[in-house]
């Protein structure tokens, strides 16, 4: 009986610790919406793939119609400025920051601003 009580106490403490850790992870998760110059489904694929390689990014999704990229990220590993820079280095404008000229030139013609 004493062993059972000890086991129950250890299990309870372990579960409480796991719950506290999950809450800490959620506190560091942030979402940002970045207005881009993306114009097509190929842009969507390119941006979402680029975001997948960014440290701290948990998920991203581009709404092609509104040109808004939504990124869920861990604020302990990256920040909004880094994410905007990653969008710029992929060849797209990010909010008020223009795309890297070199990256923009590498985009397919259908992905350039005046294409659609």
C-alpha atoms as a PDB file:
ATOM      1  CA  UNK A   1       0.000   0.000   0.000  1.00  0.00           C
ATOM      2  CA  UNK A   2       2.854   2.371   0.858  1.00  0.00           C
ATOM      3  CA  UNK A   3       4.538   1.632  -2.483  1.00  0.00           C
ATOM      4  CA  UNK A   4       1.261   2.354  -4.283  1.00  0.00           C
ATOM      5  CA  UNK A   5       0.948   5.743  -2.549  1.00  0.00           C
ATOM      6  CA  UNK A   6       4.544   6.628  -3.427  1.00  0.00           C
ATOM      7  CA  UNK A   7       3.961   5.631  -7.031  1.00  0.00           C
ATOM      8  CA  UNK A   8       0.792   7.723  -7.131  1.00  0.00           C
ATOM      9  CA  UNK A   9       2.647  10.780  -5.751  1.00  0.00           C
ATOM     10  CA  UNK A  10       5.458  10.393  -8.310  1.00  0.00           C
ATOM     11  CA  UNK A  11       2.957   9.999 -11.166  1.00  0.00           C
ATOM     12  CA  UNK A  12       0.999  13.072 -10.031  1.00  0.00           C
ATOM     13  CA  UNK A  13       4.162  15.181  -9.845  1.00  0.00           C
ATOM     14  CA  UNK A  14       5.221  14.008 -13.301  1.00  0.00           C
ATOM     15  CA  UNK A  15       1.848  14.935 -14.790  1.00  0.00           C
ATOM     16  CA  UNK A  16       1.905  18.367 -13.129  1.00  0.00           C
ATOM     17  CA  UNK A  17       5.388  18.982 -14.519  1.00  0.00           C
ATOM     18  CA  UNK A  18       4.270  18.003 -18.016  1.00  0.00           C
ATOM     19  CA  UNK A  19       1.281  20.377 -17.778  1.00  0.00           C
ATOM     20  CA  UNK A  20       3.485  23.272 -16.675  1.00  0.00           C
ATOM     21  CA  UNK A  21       5.874  22.629 -19.557  1.00  0.00           C
ATOM     22  CA  UNK A  22       3.018  22.652 -22.083  1.00  0.00           C
ATOM     23  CA  UNK A  23       1.804  26.006 -20.744  1.00  0.00           C
ATOM     24  CA  UNK A  24       5.296  27.487 -21.052  1.00  0.00           C
ATOM     25  CA  UNK A  25       5.537  26.373 -24.675  1.00  0.00           C
ATOM     26  CA  UNK A  26       2.212  28.021 -25.547  1.00  0.00           C
ATOM     27  CA  UNK A  27       3.248  31.325 -23.941  1.00  0.00           C
ATOM     28  CA  UNK A  28       6.192  31.547 -26.345  1.00  0.00           C
ATOM     29  CA  UNK A  29       4.114  30.769 -29.413  1.00  0.00           C
ATOM     30  CA  UNK A  30       3.187  33.880 -31.384  1.00  0.00           C
ATOM     31  CA  UNK A  31       1.394  34.554 -34.651  1.00  0.00           C
ATOM     32  CA  UNK A  32       2.200  37.339 -37.086  1.00  0.00           C
ATOM     33  CA  UNK A  33       0.510  38.409 -40.312  1.00  0.00           C
ATOM     34  CA  UNK A  34       2.843  39.795 -42.967  1.00  0.00           C
ATOM     35  CA  UNK A  35       1.561  41.572 -46.078  1.00  0.00           C
ATOM     36  CA  UNK A  36       3.525  40.264 -49.065  1.00  0.00           C
ATOM     37  CA  UNK A  37       3.842  40.910 -52.787  1.00  0.00           C
ATOM     38  CA  UNK A  38       2.934  37.283 -53.602  1.00  0.00           C
ATOM     39  CA  UNK A  39       0.581  36.863 -56.551  1.00  0.00           C
ATOM     40  CA  UNK A  40      -0.023  33.176 -57.302  1.00  0.00           C
ATOM     41  CA  UNK A  41      -0.109  29.607 -56.018  1.00  0.00           C
ATOM     42  CA  UNK A  42       3.545  29.148 -56.918  1.00  0.00           C
ATOM     43  CA  UNK A  43       4.329  32.087 -54.604  1.00  0.00           C
ATOM     44  CA  UNK A  44       2.320  30.332 -51.891  1.00  0.00           C
ATOM     45  CA  UNK A  45       4.392  27.168 -52.273  1.00  0.00           C
ATOM     46  CA  UNK A  46       7.672  29.102 -52.355  1.00  0.00           C
ATOM     47  CA  UNK A  47       6.938  31.206 -49.266  1.00  0.00           C
ATOM     48  CA  UNK A  48       5.516  28.380 -47.175  1.00  0.00           C
ATOM     49  CA  UNK A  49       8.503  26.175 -48.022  1.00  0.00           C
ATOM     50  CA  UNK A  50      10.938  28.985 -47.155  1.00  0.00           C
ATOM     51  CA  UNK A  51       9.200  29.540 -43.812  1.00  0.00           C
ATOM     52  CA  UNK A  52       9.422  25.826 -43.024  1.00  0.00           C
ATOM     53  CA  UNK A  53      13.219  26.164 -43.058  1.00  0.00           C
ATOM     54  CA  UNK A  54      13.250  29.149 -40.709  1.00  0.00           C
ATOM     55  CA  UNK A  55      14.314  28.386 -37.149  1.00  0.00           C
ATOM     56  CA  UNK A  56      11.401  28.623 -34.717  1.00  0.00           C
ATOM     57  CA  UNK A  57       8.613  28.588 -37.310  1.00  0.00           C
ATOM     58  CA  UNK A  58       5.883  26.126 -36.402  1.00  0.00           C
ATOM     59  CA  UNK A  59       3.490  26.799 -39.284  1.00  0.00           C
ATOM     60  CA  UNK A  60       2.832  29.230 -42.109  1.00  0.00           C
ATOM     61  CA  UNK A  61       0.086  29.834 -44.602  1.00  0.00           C
ATOM     62  CA  UNK A  62      -0.240  32.350 -47.425  1.00  0.00           C
ATOM     63  CA  UNK A  63      -3.678  33.574 -48.447  1.00  0.00           C
ATOM     64  CA  UNK A  64      -3.029  34.369 -52.108  1.00  0.00           C
ATOM     65  CA  UNK A  65      -6.107  36.596 -52.503  1.00  0.00           C
ATOM     66  CA  UNK A  66      -5.190  38.942 -49.639  1.00  0.00           C
ATOM     67  CA  UNK A  67      -1.414  38.372 -50.057  1.00  0.00           C
ATOM     68  CA  UNK A  68      -1.145  37.887 -46.285  1.00  0.00           C
ATOM     69  CA  UNK A  69       1.307  35.341 -44.904  1.00  0.00           C
ATOM     70  CA  UNK A  70       0.366  34.083 -41.446  1.00  0.00           C
ATOM     71  CA  UNK A  71       3.279  32.628 -39.476  1.00  0.00           C
ATOM     72  CA  UNK A  72       3.132  30.825 -36.126  1.00  0.00           C
ATOM     73  CA  UNK A  73       6.520  30.861 -34.421  1.00  0.00           C
ATOM     74  CA  UNK A  74       8.394  30.308 -31.163  1.00  0.00           C
ATOM     75  CA  UNK A  75       9.454  33.740 -29.875  1.00  0.00           C
ATOM     76  CA  UNK A  76      12.411  32.180 -28.052  1.00  0.00           C
ATOM     77  CA  UNK A  77      13.942  31.149 -31.383  1.00  0.00           C
ATOM     78  CA  UNK A  78      13.061  33.971 -33.787  1.00  0.00           C
ATOM     79  CA  UNK A  79      11.225  37.274 -34.072  1.00  0.00           C
ATOM     80  CA  UNK A  80       9.053  39.215 -36.515  1.00  0.00           C
ATOM     81  CA  UNK A  81      11.998  41.107 -38.030  1.00  0.00           C
ATOM     82  CA  UNK A  82      13.778  37.834 -38.826  1.00  0.00           C
ATOM     83  CA  UNK A  83      10.630  36.488 -40.461  1.00  0.00           C
ATOM     84  CA  UNK A  84      10.205  39.615 -42.597  1.00  0.00           C
ATOM     85  CA  UNK A  85      13.850  39.339 -43.622  1.00  0.00           C
ATOM     86  CA  UNK A  86      13.298  35.700 -44.631  1.00  0.00           C
ATOM     87  CA  UNK A  87      10.336  36.770 -46.802  1.00  0.00           C
ATOM     88  CA  UNK A  88      12.507  39.499 -48.394  1.00  0.00           C
ATOM     89  CA  UNK A  89      15.325  37.032 -49.060  1.00  0.00           C
ATOM     90  CA  UNK A  90      12.835  34.727 -50.763  1.00  0.00           C
ATOM     91  CA  UNK A  91      12.069  37.504 -53.248  1.00  0.00           C
ATOM     92  CA  UNK A  92       8.915  39.093 -51.836  1.00  0.00           C
ATOM     93  CA  UNK A  93       8.059  42.356 -50.115  1.00  0.00           C
ATOM     94  CA  UNK A  94       7.218  41.985 -46.427  1.00  0.00           C
ATOM     95  CA  UNK A  95       4.996  44.744 -45.061  1.00  0.00           C
ATOM     96  CA  UNK A  96       6.941  47.947 -45.785  1.00  0.00           C
ATOM     97  CA  UNK A  97      10.253  46.180 -46.442  1.00  0.00           C
ATOM     98  CA  UNK A  98      11.064  45.587 -50.135  1.00  0.00           C
ATOM     99  CA  UNK A  99      12.226  42.253 -51.498  1.00  0.00           C
ATOM    100  CA  UNK A 100      15.909  41.556 -51.969  1.00  0.00           C
ATOM    101  CA  UNK A 101      16.601  42.612 -55.563  1.00  0.00           C
ATOM    102  CA  UNK A 102      18.762  39.560 -56.191  1.00  0.00           C
ATOM    103  CA  UNK A 103      16.099  37.165 -54.845  1.00  0.00           C
ATOM    104  CA  UNK A 104      13.318  38.959 -56.735  1.00  0.00           C
ATOM    105  CA  UNK A 105      15.181  38.523 -60.036  1.00  0.00           C
ATOM    106  CA  UNK A 106      15.355  34.760 -59.412  1.00  0.00           C
ATOM    107  CA  UNK A 107      11.568  34.429 -59.098  1.00  0.00           C
ATOM    108  CA  UNK A 108       9.630  32.898 -61.973  1.00  0.00           C
ATOM    109  CA  UNK A 109       7.959  35.505 -64.181  1.00  0.00           C
ATOM    110  CA  UNK A 110       4.496  34.538 -62.888  1.00  0.00           C
ATOM    111  CA  UNK A 111       5.598  35.460 -59.357  1.00  0.00           C
ATOM    112  CA  UNK A 112       6.694  38.993 -60.145  1.00  0.00           C
ATOM    113  CA  UNK A 113       4.538  41.911 -59.010  1.00  0.00           C
ATOM    114  CA  UNK A 114       3.107  42.966 -62.382  1.00  0.00           C
ATOM    115  CA  UNK A 115       2.401  39.419 -63.554  1.00  0.00           C
ATOM    116  CA  UNK A 116      -1.261  39.261 -62.528  1.00  0.00           C
END
